[in-house]
């Protein structure tokens, strides 16, 4: 049951991450916080400040949403190593000596 729930959670998490739903929800949270700060500034009679720009440099969640999960350089190296191993396996299979018998010793058909 625990494994199934973890798999379902991972499926939902990666679907939300891949479709951009997590970033949309986080941007909505920033918009809500900015609106609350603007309303508080208006209530206090302070002039409104321009909306801050939320990006990877000042928000840890934006940074985590935009970093790649797999570094592309390692994937290319692993793919090339796999191709090299496959090529070496083909070369090793071609070098196996195959001796054919010159003559097959058998008794022949049975005598009646």
Protein backbone atom coordinates (compact mmCIF):
# COMPACT_ATOMS: atom_id res chain seq x y z
CA UNK A 1 0.00 0.00 0.00
CA UNK A 2 2.85 2.38 0.87
CA UNK A 3 4.68 1.63 -2.38
CA UNK A 4 1.52 2.24 -4.40
CA UNK A 5 0.85 5.55 -2.64
CA UNK A 6 4.45 6.65 -3.21
CA UNK A 7 4.16 5.77 -6.90
CA UNK A 8 0.90 7.69 -7.20
CA UNK A 9 2.43 10.69 -5.42
CA UNK A 10 5.48 10.62 -7.72
CA UNK A 11 3.25 10.37 -10.79
CA UNK A 12 1.15 13.33 -9.69
CA UNK A 13 4.26 15.34 -8.72
CA UNK A 14 6.01 14.84 -12.08
CA UNK A 15 2.80 15.50 -13.99
CA UNK A 16 2.31 18.77 -12.10
CA UNK A 17 5.95 19.70 -12.61
CA UNK A 18 5.96 18.82 -16.31
CA UNK A 19 2.76 20.65 -17.16
CA UNK A 20 3.80 23.80 -15.31
CA UNK A 21 1.01 23.57 -12.75
CA UNK A 22 3.46 23.91 -9.84
CA UNK A 23 5.01 27.05 -11.30
CA UNK A 24 1.55 28.48 -12.01
CA UNK A 25 0.48 27.84 -8.39
CA UNK A 26 3.69 29.36 -7.05
CA UNK A 27 3.31 32.45 -9.25
CA UNK A 28 -0.28 32.78 -7.99
CA UNK A 29 1.07 32.65 -4.42
CA UNK A 30 3.51 35.47 -5.24
CA UNK A 31 0.69 37.51 -6.80
CA UNK A 32 -1.43 37.00 -3.66
CA UNK A 33 1.47 38.08 -1.41
CA UNK A 34 2.14 41.17 -3.59
CA UNK A 35 -1.55 42.12 -3.52
CA UNK A 36 -1.61 41.79 0.28
CA UNK A 37 1.50 43.98 0.60
CA UNK A 38 -0.03 46.58 -1.73
CA UNK A 39 -3.30 46.59 0.24
CA UNK A 40 -1.38 47.00 3.50
CA UNK A 41 0.60 49.90 1.99
CA UNK A 42 -2.58 51.60 0.80
CA UNK A 43 -4.22 51.14 4.20
CA UNK A 44 -1.19 52.72 5.89
CA UNK A 45 -1.18 55.62 3.42
CA UNK A 46 2.27 54.75 2.10
CA UNK A 47 2.80 55.16 -1.65
CA UNK A 48 2.63 51.85 -3.50
CA UNK A 49 5.95 50.35 -4.54
CA UNK A 50 6.29 48.63 -7.91
CA UNK A 51 5.72 44.90 -7.89
CA UNK A 52 8.93 42.99 -7.22
CA UNK A 53 10.18 40.66 -9.90
CA UNK A 54 10.21 37.07 -8.68
CA UNK A 55 12.74 34.92 -10.48
CA UNK A 56 15.51 32.41 -9.84
CA UNK A 57 17.82 34.99 -8.28
CA UNK A 58 15.55 35.94 -5.38
CA UNK A 59 13.22 32.94 -4.90
CA UNK A 60 14.45 29.49 -3.91
CA UNK A 61 11.26 27.80 -5.14
CA UNK A 62 11.63 29.32 -8.61
CA UNK A 63 15.23 28.12 -8.65
CA UNK A 64 14.22 24.57 -7.72
CA UNK A 65 11.46 24.54 -10.33
CA UNK A 66 13.86 25.56 -13.10
CA UNK A 67 16.90 23.38 -12.40
CA UNK A 68 17.11 20.30 -14.59
CA UNK A 69 16.51 16.97 -12.89
CA UNK A 70 19.09 15.19 -15.04
CA UNK A 71 22.31 16.86 -16.14
CA UNK A 72 22.54 16.47 -19.91
CA UNK A 73 26.31 15.96 -19.95
CA UNK A 74 26.12 12.77 -17.94
CA UNK A 75 23.36 11.39 -20.12
CA UNK A 76 25.46 11.88 -23.26
CA UNK A 77 28.46 10.17 -21.66
CA UNK A 78 26.34 7.22 -20.51
CA UNK A 79 24.76 6.89 -23.97
CA UNK A 80 28.19 6.84 -25.62
CA UNK A 81 29.45 4.26 -23.13
CA UNK A 82 26.43 2.10 -23.93
CA UNK A 83 27.13 2.34 -27.65
CA UNK A 84 30.79 1.47 -27.05
CA UNK A 85 29.82 -1.59 -24.99
CA UNK A 86 27.41 -2.73 -27.71
CA UNK A 87 30.07 -2.33 -30.41
CA UNK A 88 32.64 -4.23 -28.34
CA UNK A 89 30.13 -7.03 -27.76
CA UNK A 90 29.61 -7.35 -31.51
CA UNK A 91 33.36 -7.45 -32.17
CA UNK A 92 33.90 -10.06 -29.47
CA UNK A 93 31.12 -12.23 -30.92
CA UNK A 94 32.66 -12.05 -34.40
CA UNK A 95 36.08 -13.24 -33.19
CA UNK A 96 34.88 -16.54 -31.69
CA UNK A 97 36.56 -19.34 -33.68
CA UNK A 98 34.17 -21.73 -35.34
CA UNK A 99 35.73 -25.02 -36.38
CA UNK A 100 33.80 -27.19 -38.76
CA UNK A 101 34.49 -30.90 -38.62
CA UNK A 102 36.24 -32.26 -41.70
CA UNK A 103 34.54 -35.62 -41.47
CA UNK A 104 31.65 -36.97 -39.46
CA UNK A 105 32.30 -40.51 -38.23
CA UNK A 106 29.13 -42.54 -38.18
CA UNK A 107 28.21 -46.16 -38.66
CA UNK A 108 25.89 -45.62 -41.55
CA UNK A 109 22.49 -47.17 -41.99
CA UNK A 110 21.66 -50.19 -39.87
CA UNK A 111 22.32 -53.56 -41.45
CA UNK A 112 19.33 -55.80 -41.79
